[in-house]
């Protein structure tokens, strides 16, 4: 059985901050950690980051510690080089 899509208002009740949906996922923040969730509210992947951007052309920028890199919607790292800040 497929879970129903949740509204942005419902997500705001579950998380500290909620972005806008982009490519079927939305970034959220809870307890200082950011990640993406699916339209049904389930996390898209297990990892948590210090910062995540919305997805664009199948990739999102993330920051973990002092390293920026890109991930795919399933959380896998892209093959683009990482950059330290």
PDB file of N, CA and C in Angstrom:
ATOM      1  N   UNK A   1       0.838  -1.182   0.000  1.00  0.00           N
ATOM      2  CA  UNK A   1       0.000   0.000   0.000  1.00  0.00           C
ATOM      3  C   UNK A   1       0.886   1.250   0.000  1.00  0.00           C
ATOM      4  N   UNK A   2       0.620   2.171  -0.872  1.00  0.00           N
ATOM      5  CA  UNK A   2       1.373   3.402  -0.985  1.00  0.00           C
ATOM      6  C   UNK A   2       0.844   4.423   0.017  1.00  0.00           C
ATOM      7  N   UNK A   3       1.779   5.098   0.713  1.00  0.00           N
ATOM      8  CA  UNK A   3       1.372   6.151   1.639  1.00  0.00           C
ATOM      9  C   UNK A   3       0.928   7.376   0.852  1.00  0.00           C
ATOM     10  N   UNK A   4      -0.011   8.125   1.396  1.00  0.00           N
ATOM     11  CA  UNK A   4      -0.486   9.327   0.725  1.00  0.00           C
ATOM     12  C   UNK A   4       0.545  10.446   0.834  1.00  0.00           C
ATOM     13  N   UNK A   5       0.490  11.365  -0.078  1.00  0.00           N
ATOM     14  CA  UNK A   5       1.366  12.534  -0.040  1.00  0.00           C
ATOM     15  C   UNK A   5       0.943  13.425   1.125  1.00  0.00           C
ATOM     16  N   UNK A   6       1.919  14.001   1.788  1.00  0.00           N
ATOM     17  CA  UNK A   6       1.629  14.920   2.885  1.00  0.00           C
ATOM     18  C   UNK A   6       1.756  16.356   2.389  1.00  0.00           C
ATOM     19  N   UNK A   7       1.071  17.249   3.052  1.00  0.00           N
ATOM     20  CA  UNK A   7       1.136  18.651   2.672  1.00  0.00           C
ATOM     21  C   UNK A   7       2.339  19.322   3.321  1.00  0.00           C
ATOM     22  N   UNK A   8       2.699  20.468   2.805  1.00  0.00           N
ATOM     23  CA  UNK A   8       3.803  21.240   3.385  1.00  0.00           C
ATOM     24  C   UNK A   8       3.477  21.592   4.842  1.00  0.00           C
ATOM     25  N   UNK A   9       2.227  21.897   5.129  1.00  0.00           N
ATOM     26  CA  UNK A   9       1.804  22.221   6.491  1.00  0.00           C
ATOM     27  C   UNK A   9       2.018  21.036   7.430  1.00  0.00           C
ATOM     28  N   UNK A  10       1.732  19.823   6.950  1.00  0.00           N
ATOM     29  CA  UNK A  10       1.966  18.627   7.765  1.00  0.00           C
ATOM     30  C   UNK A  10       3.453  18.432   8.014  1.00  0.00           C
ATOM     31  N   UNK A  11       4.266  18.683   6.985  1.00  0.00           N
ATOM     32  CA  UNK A  11       5.719  18.564   7.155  1.00  0.00           C
ATOM     33  C   UNK A  11       6.229  19.582   8.170  1.00  0.00           C
ATOM     34  N   UNK A  12       5.671  20.797   8.164  1.00  0.00           N
ATOM     35  CA  UNK A  12       6.088  21.818   9.130  1.00  0.00           C
ATOM     36  C   UNK A  12       5.767  21.412  10.569  1.00  0.00           C
ATOM     37  N   UNK A  13       4.783  20.562  10.763  1.00  0.00           N
ATOM     38  CA  UNK A  13       4.478  20.039  12.094  1.00  0.00           C
ATOM     39  C   UNK A  13       5.484  18.972  12.515  1.00  0.00           C
ATOM     40  N   UNK A  14       6.118  18.322  11.540  1.00  0.00           N
ATOM     41  CA  UNK A  14       7.051  17.231  11.821  1.00  0.00           C
ATOM     42  C   UNK A  14       8.503  17.701  11.929  1.00  0.00           C
ATOM     43  N   UNK A  15       8.855  18.797  11.253  1.00  0.00           N
ATOM     44  CA  UNK A  15      10.243  19.242  11.141  1.00  0.00           C
ATOM     45  C   UNK A  15      10.383  20.705  11.540  1.00  0.00           C
ATOM     46  N   UNK A  16      11.616  21.103  11.898  1.00  0.00           N
ATOM     47  CA  UNK A  16      11.893  22.479  12.301  1.00  0.00           C
ATOM     48  C   UNK A  16      11.813  23.448  11.118  1.00  0.00           C
ATOM     49  N   UNK A  17      12.225  23.009   9.944  1.00  0.00           N
ATOM     50  CA  UNK A  17      12.189  23.836   8.734  1.00  0.00           C
ATOM     51  C   UNK A  17      11.919  22.931   7.544  1.00  0.00           C
ATOM     52  N   UNK A  18      11.226  23.480   6.546  1.00  0.00           N
ATOM     53  CA  UNK A  18      10.864  22.718   5.351  1.00  0.00           C
ATOM     54  C   UNK A  18      11.045  23.617   4.133  1.00  0.00           C
ATOM     55  N   UNK A  19      11.746  23.115   3.117  1.00  0.00           N
ATOM     56  CA  UNK A  19      11.927  23.857   1.881  1.00  0.00           C
ATOM     57  C   UNK A  19      10.754  23.648   0.944  1.00  0.00           C
ATOM     58  N   UNK A  20      10.989  23.863  -0.325  1.00  0.00           N
ATOM     59  CA  UNK A  20       9.981  23.650  -1.362  1.00  0.00           C
ATOM     60  C   UNK A  20      10.310  22.355  -2.101  1.00  0.00           C
ATOM     61  N   UNK A  21       9.265  21.678  -2.580  1.00  0.00           N
ATOM     62  CA  UNK A  21       9.493  20.453  -3.343  1.00  0.00           C
ATOM     63  C   UNK A  21      10.220  20.765  -4.640  1.00  0.00           C
ATOM     64  N   UNK A  22      11.186  19.935  -4.958  1.00  0.00           N
ATOM     65  CA  UNK A  22      11.957  20.046  -6.189  1.00  0.00           C
ATOM     66  C   UNK A  22      12.298  18.639  -6.646  1.00  0.00           C
ATOM     67  N   UNK A  23      11.864  18.298  -7.836  1.00  0.00           N
ATOM     68  CA  UNK A  23      12.116  16.968  -8.399  1.00  0.00           C
ATOM     69  C   UNK A  23      11.592  15.853  -7.477  1.00  0.00           C
ATOM     70  N   UNK A  24      10.438  16.106  -6.858  1.00  0.00           N
ATOM     71  CA  UNK A  24       9.772  15.098  -6.040  1.00  0.00           C
ATOM     72  C   UNK A  24      10.262  14.981  -4.608  1.00  0.00           C
ATOM     73  N   UNK A  25      11.266  15.778  -4.220  1.00  0.00           N
ATOM     74  CA  UNK A  25      11.800  15.737  -2.860  1.00  0.00           C
ATOM     75  C   UNK A  25      11.820  17.143  -2.277  1.00  0.00           C
ATOM     76  N   UNK A  26      11.814  17.217  -0.961  1.00  0.00           N
ATOM     77  CA  UNK A  26      11.890  18.501  -0.266  1.00  0.00           C
ATOM     78  C   UNK A  26      12.939  18.378   0.836  1.00  0.00           C
ATOM     79  N   UNK A  27      13.719  19.455   1.047  1.00  0.00           N
ATOM     80  CA  UNK A  27      14.691  19.414   2.143  1.00  0.00           C
ATOM     81  C   UNK A  27      13.985  19.789   3.432  1.00  0.00           C
ATOM     82  N   UNK A  28      14.439  19.171   4.520  1.00  0.00           N
ATOM     83  CA  UNK A  28      13.898  19.455   5.847  1.00  0.00           C
ATOM     84  C   UNK A  28      15.048  19.559   6.839  1.00  0.00           C
ATOM     85  N   UNK A  29      14.769  20.212   7.972  1.00  0.00           N
ATOM     86  CA  UNK A  29      15.761  20.324   9.050  1.00  0.00           C
ATOM     87  C   UNK A  29      15.089  19.932  10.357  1.00  0.00           C
ATOM     88  N   UNK A  30      15.803  19.138  11.134  1.00  0.00           N
ATOM     89  CA  UNK A  30      15.347  18.789  12.475  1.00  0.00           C
ATOM     90  C   UNK A  30      16.588  18.613  13.347  1.00  0.00           C
ATOM     91  N   UNK A  31      16.585  19.288  14.481  1.00  0.00           N
ATOM     92  CA  UNK A  31      17.712  19.173  15.402  1.00  0.00           C
ATOM     93  C   UNK A  31      19.043  19.580  14.794  1.00  0.00           C
ATOM     94  N   UNK A  32      19.039  20.549  13.882  1.00  0.00           N
ATOM     95  CA  UNK A  32      20.285  21.019  13.276  1.00  0.00           C
ATOM     96  C   UNK A  32      20.802  20.166  12.136  1.00  0.00           C
ATOM     97  N   UNK A  33      20.112  19.103  11.795  1.00  0.00           N
ATOM     98  CA  UNK A  33      20.520  18.225  10.698  1.00  0.00           C
ATOM     99  C   UNK A  33      19.543  18.366   9.547  1.00  0.00           C
ATOM    100  N   UNK A  34      20.061  18.344   8.311  1.00  0.00           N
ATOM    101  CA  UNK A  34      19.216  18.476   7.130  1.00  0.00           C
ATOM    102  C   UNK A  34      19.296  17.224   6.257  1.00  0.00           C
ATOM    103  N   UNK A  35      18.187  16.969   5.553  1.00  0.00           N
ATOM    104  CA  UNK A  35      18.095  15.845   4.619  1.00  0.00           C
ATOM    105  C   UNK A  35      16.876  16.065   3.745  1.00  0.00           C
ATOM    106  N   UNK A  36      16.623  15.174   2.828  1.00  0.00           N
ATOM    107  CA  UNK A  36      15.475  15.272   1.917  1.00  0.00           C
ATOM    108  C   UNK A  36      14.445  14.210   2.270  1.00  0.00           C
ATOM    109  N   UNK A  37      13.179  14.573   2.081  1.00  0.00           N
ATOM    110  CA  UNK A  37      12.108  13.603   2.275  1.00  0.00           C
ATOM    111  C   UNK A  37      11.284  13.496   1.005  1.00  0.00           C
ATOM    112  N   UNK A  38      10.617  12.361   0.869  1.00  0.00           N
ATOM    113  CA  UNK A  38       9.733  12.104  -0.258  1.00  0.00           C
ATOM    114  C   UNK A  38       8.391  12.790  -0.011  1.00  0.00           C
ATOM    115  N   UNK A  39       7.536  12.777  -1.006  1.00  0.00           N
ATOM    116  CA  UNK A  39       6.240  13.445  -0.887  1.00  0.00           C
ATOM    117  C   UNK A  39       5.348  12.827   0.190  1.00  0.00           C
ATOM    118  N   UNK A  40       5.623  11.582   0.598  1.00  0.00           N
ATOM    119  CA  UNK A  40       4.843  10.952   1.655  1.00  0.00           C
ATOM    120  C   UNK A  40       5.419  11.221   3.047  1.00  0.00           C
ATOM    121  N   UNK A  41       6.505  12.007   3.116  1.00  0.00           N
ATOM    122  CA  UNK A  41       7.113  12.353   4.398  1.00  0.00           C
ATOM    123  C   UNK A  41       8.238  11.447   4.831  1.00  0.00           C
ATOM    124  N   UNK A  42       8.444  10.338   4.134  1.00  0.00           N
ATOM    125  CA  UNK A  42       9.530   9.417   4.481  1.00  0.00           C
ATOM    126  C   UNK A  42      10.875   9.967   4.019  1.00  0.00           C
ATOM    127  N   UNK A  43      11.946   9.781   4.824  1.00  0.00           N
ATOM    128  CA  UNK A  43      13.281  10.196   4.383  1.00  0.00           C
ATOM    129  C   UNK A  43      13.664   9.501   3.081  1.00  0.00           C
ATOM    130  N   UNK A  44      14.331  10.246   2.195  1.00  0.00           N
ATOM    131  CA  UNK A  44      14.763   9.689   0.913  1.00  0.00           C
ATOM    132  C   UNK A  44      16.011   8.834   1.063  1.00  0.00           C
ATOM    133  N   UNK A  45      16.765   9.040   2.141  1.00  0.00           N
ATOM    134  CA  UNK A  45      18.019   8.309   2.399  1.00  0.00           C
ATOM    135  C   UNK A  45      18.327   8.409   3.892  1.00  0.00           C
ATOM    136  N   UNK A  46      19.315   7.648   4.358  1.00  0.00           N
ATOM    137  CA  UNK A  46      19.617   7.580   5.794  1.00  0.00           C
ATOM    138  C   UNK A  46      20.543   8.683   6.306  1.00  0.00           C
ATOM    139  N   UNK A  47      21.433   9.209   5.473  1.00  0.00           N
ATOM    140  CA  UNK A  47      22.419  10.189   5.931  1.00  0.00           C
ATOM    141  C   UNK A  47      21.781  11.508   6.339  1.00  0.00           C
ATOM    142  N   UNK A  48      22.456  12.224   7.241  1.00  0.00           N
ATOM    143  CA  UNK A  48      22.055  13.556   7.673  1.00  0.00           C
ATOM    144  C   UNK A  48      23.233  14.496   7.451  1.00  0.00           C
ATOM    145  N   UNK A  49      22.938  15.753   7.097  1.00  0.00           N
ATOM    146  CA  UNK A  49      23.973  16.702   6.717  1.00  0.00           C
ATOM    147  C   UNK A  49      23.824  18.011   7.474  1.00  0.00           C
ATOM    148  N   UNK A  50      24.875  18.829   7.421  1.00  0.00           N
ATOM    149  CA  UNK A  50      24.833  20.163   8.013  1.00  0.00           C
ATOM    150  C   UNK A  50      24.044  21.119   7.129  1.00  0.00           C
ATOM    151  N   UNK A  51      24.027  20.862   5.839  1.00  0.00           N
ATOM    152  CA  UNK A  51      23.308  21.686   4.868  1.00  0.00           C
ATOM    153  C   UNK A  51      22.967  20.825   3.664  1.00  0.00           C
ATOM    154  N   UNK A  52      21.784  21.039   3.087  1.00  0.00           N
ATOM    155  CA  UNK A  52      21.416  20.430   1.802  1.00  0.00           C
ATOM    156  C   UNK A  52      20.730  21.480   0.944  1.00  0.00           C
ATOM    157  N   UNK A  53      20.954  21.414  -0.360  1.00  0.00           N
ATOM    158  CA  UNK A  53      20.266  22.302  -1.291  1.00  0.00           C
ATOM    159  C   UNK A  53      19.100  21.542  -1.918  1.00  0.00           C
ATOM    160  N   UNK A  54      18.184  22.251  -2.571  1.00  0.00           N
ATOM    161  CA  UNK A  54      17.153  21.548  -3.343  1.00  0.00           C
ATOM    162  C   UNK A  54      17.804  20.789  -4.504  1.00  0.00           C
ATOM    163  N   UNK A  55      17.119  19.784  -5.005  1.00  0.00           N
ATOM    164  CA  UNK A  55      17.626  19.047  -6.159  1.00  0.00           C
ATOM    165  C   UNK A  55      17.424  19.844  -7.433  1.00  0.00           C
ATOM    166  N   UNK A  56      18.390  19.755  -8.317  1.00  0.00           N
ATOM    167  CA  UNK A  56      18.329  20.378  -9.631  1.00  0.00           C
ATOM    168  C   UNK A  56      19.058  19.471 -10.607  1.00  0.00           C
ATOM    169  N   UNK A  57      18.381  19.082 -11.661  1.00  0.00           N
ATOM    170  CA  UNK A  57      18.955  18.182 -12.663  1.00  0.00           C
ATOM    171  C   UNK A  57      19.494  16.901 -12.031  1.00  0.00           C
ATOM    172  N   UNK A  58      18.757  16.395 -11.024  1.00  0.00           N
ATOM    173  CA  UNK A  58      19.085  15.117 -10.411  1.00  0.00           C
ATOM    174  C   UNK A  58      20.168  15.141  -9.357  1.00  0.00           C
ATOM    175  N   UNK A  59      20.654  16.322  -8.965  1.00  0.00           N
ATOM    176  CA  UNK A  59      21.705  16.414  -7.959  1.00  0.00           C
ATOM    177  C   UNK A  59      21.391  17.511  -6.949  1.00  0.00           C
ATOM    178  N   UNK A  60      21.862  17.318  -5.718  1.00  0.00           N
ATOM    179  CA  UNK A  60      21.759  18.342  -4.676  1.00  0.00           C
ATOM    180  C   UNK A  60      23.131  18.501  -4.033  1.00  0.00           C
ATOM    181  N   UNK A  61      23.480  19.728  -3.681  1.00  0.00           N
ATOM    182  CA  UNK A  61      24.706  19.978  -2.926  1.00  0.00           C
ATOM    183  C   UNK A  61      24.436  19.723  -1.455  1.00  0.00           C
ATOM    184  N   UNK A  62      25.408  19.112  -0.781  1.00  0.00           N
ATOM    185  CA  UNK A  62      25.306  18.878   0.658  1.00  0.00           C
ATOM    186  C   UNK A  62      26.634  19.260   1.309  1.00  0.00           C
ATOM    187  N   UNK A  63      26.557  19.581   2.587  1.00  0.00           N
ATOM    188  CA  UNK A  63      27.741  19.892   3.382  1.00  0.00           C
ATOM    189  C   UNK A  63      27.765  18.971   4.576  1.00  0.00           C
ATOM    190  N   UNK A  64      28.880  18.269   4.738  1.00  0.00           N
ATOM    191  CA  UNK A  64      29.075  17.404   5.902  1.00  0.00           C
ATOM    192  C   UNK A  64      30.418  17.790   6.494  1.00  0.00           C
ATOM    193  N   UNK A  65      30.393  18.357   7.695  1.00  0.00           N
ATOM    194  CA  UNK A  65      31.629  18.881   8.273  1.00  0.00           C
ATOM    195  C   UNK A  65      32.085  20.066   7.448  1.00  0.00           C
ATOM    196  N   UNK A  66      33.262  19.945   6.873  1.00  0.00           N
ATOM    197  CA  UNK A  66      33.784  21.028   6.035  1.00  0.00           C
ATOM    198  C   UNK A  66      33.897  20.617   4.577  1.00  0.00           C
ATOM    199  N   UNK A  67      33.158  19.600   4.172  1.00  0.00           N
ATOM    200  CA  UNK A  67      33.256  19.088   2.806  1.00  0.00           C
ATOM    201  C   UNK A  67      31.903  19.210   2.099  1.00  0.00           C
ATOM    202  N   UNK A  68      31.904  19.916   0.953  1.00  0.00           N
ATOM    203  CA  UNK A  68      30.743  20.005   0.070  1.00  0.00           C
ATOM    204  C   UNK A  68      30.856  18.931  -0.992  1.00  0.00           C
ATOM    205  N   UNK A  69      29.754  18.271  -1.303  1.00  0.00           N
ATOM    206  CA  UNK A  69      29.711  17.346  -2.426  1.00  0.00           C
ATOM    207  C   UNK A  69      28.270  17.247  -2.902  1.00  0.00           C
ATOM    208  N   UNK A  70      28.045  16.519  -3.983  1.00  0.00           N
ATOM    209  CA  UNK A  70      26.710  16.365  -4.532  1.00  0.00           C
ATOM    210  C   UNK A  70      26.205  14.951  -4.307  1.00  0.00           C
ATOM    211  N   UNK A  71      24.888  14.841  -4.119  1.00  0.00           N
ATOM    212  CA  UNK A  71      24.259  13.530  -3.983  1.00  0.00           C
ATOM    213  C   UNK A  71      23.129  13.401  -4.988  1.00  0.00           C
ATOM    214  N   UNK A  72      22.765  12.143  -5.244  1.00  0.00           N
ATOM    215  CA  UNK A  72      21.622  11.814  -6.082  1.00  0.00           C
ATOM    216  C   UNK A  72      20.389  11.669  -5.169  1.00  0.00           C
ATOM    217  N   UNK A  73      19.188  11.604  -5.713  1.00  0.00           N
ATOM    218  CA  UNK A  73      17.980  11.508  -4.879  1.00  0.00           C
ATOM    219  C   UNK A  73      17.955  10.315  -3.917  1.00  0.00           C
ATOM    220  N   UNK A  74      18.674   9.245  -4.219  1.00  0.00           N
ATOM    221  CA  UNK A  74      18.713   8.093  -3.308  1.00  0.00           C
ATOM    222  C   UNK A  74      19.803   8.230  -2.249  1.00  0.00           C
ATOM    223  N   UNK A  75      20.524   9.381  -2.227  1.00  0.00           N
ATOM    224  CA  UNK A  75      21.555   9.617  -1.234  1.00  0.00           C
ATOM    225  C   UNK A  75      22.958   9.236  -1.662  1.00  0.00           C
ATOM    226  N   UNK A  76      23.094   8.554  -2.808  1.00  0.00           N
ATOM    227  CA  UNK A  76      24.436   8.180  -3.278  1.00  0.00           C
ATOM    228  C   UNK A  76      25.203   9.425  -3.692  1.00  0.00           C
ATOM    229  N   UNK A  77      26.504   9.437  -3.395  1.00  0.00           N
ATOM    230  CA  UNK A  77      27.353  10.534  -3.831  1.00  0.00           C
ATOM    231  C   UNK A  77      27.516  10.516  -5.334  1.00  0.00           C
ATOM    232  N   UNK A  78      27.538  11.698  -5.930  1.00  0.00           N
ATOM    233  CA  UNK A  78      27.819  11.772  -7.356  1.00  0.00           C
ATOM    234  C   UNK A  78      29.333  11.645  -7.544  1.00  0.00           C
ATOM    235  N   UNK A  79      29.757  11.487  -8.750  1.00  0.00           N
ATOM    236  CA  UNK A  79      31.184  11.337  -9.019  1.00  0.00           C
ATOM    237  C   UNK A  79      31.903  12.670  -9.162  1.00  0.00           C
ATOM    238  N   UNK A  80      31.159  13.754  -8.942  1.00  0.00           N
ATOM    239  CA  UNK A  80      31.793  15.082  -8.991  1.00  0.00           C
ATOM    240  C   UNK A  80      32.778  15.194  -7.839  1.00  0.00           C
ATOM    241  N   UNK A  81      33.884  15.904  -8.020  1.00  0.00           N
ATOM    242  CA  UNK A  81      34.867  16.024  -6.931  1.00  0.00           C
ATOM    243  C   UNK A  81      34.287  16.783  -5.735  1.00  0.00           C
ATOM    244  N   UNK A  82      34.703  16.378  -4.544  1.00  0.00           N
ATOM    245  CA  UNK A  82      34.320  17.067  -3.314  1.00  0.00           C
ATOM    246  C   UNK A  82      35.150  18.327  -3.166  1.00  0.00           C
ATOM    247  N   UNK A  83      34.625  19.291  -2.433  1.00  0.00           N
ATOM    248  CA  UNK A  83      35.368  20.528  -2.202  1.00  0.00           C
ATOM    249  C   UNK A  83      35.317  20.857  -0.713  1.00  0.00           C
ATOM    250  N   UNK A  84      36.468  21.208  -0.151  1.00  0.00           N
ATOM    251  CA  UNK A  84      36.524  21.624   1.256  1.00  0.00           C
ATOM    252  C   UNK A  84      36.244  23.106   1.355  1.00  0.00           C
ATOM    253  N   UNK A  85      35.680  23.506   2.489  1.00  0.00           N
ATOM    254  CA  UNK A  85      35.467  24.937   2.686  1.00  0.00           C
ATOM    255  C   UNK A  85      36.344  25.454   3.807  1.00  0.00           C
TER     256      UNK A  85
END
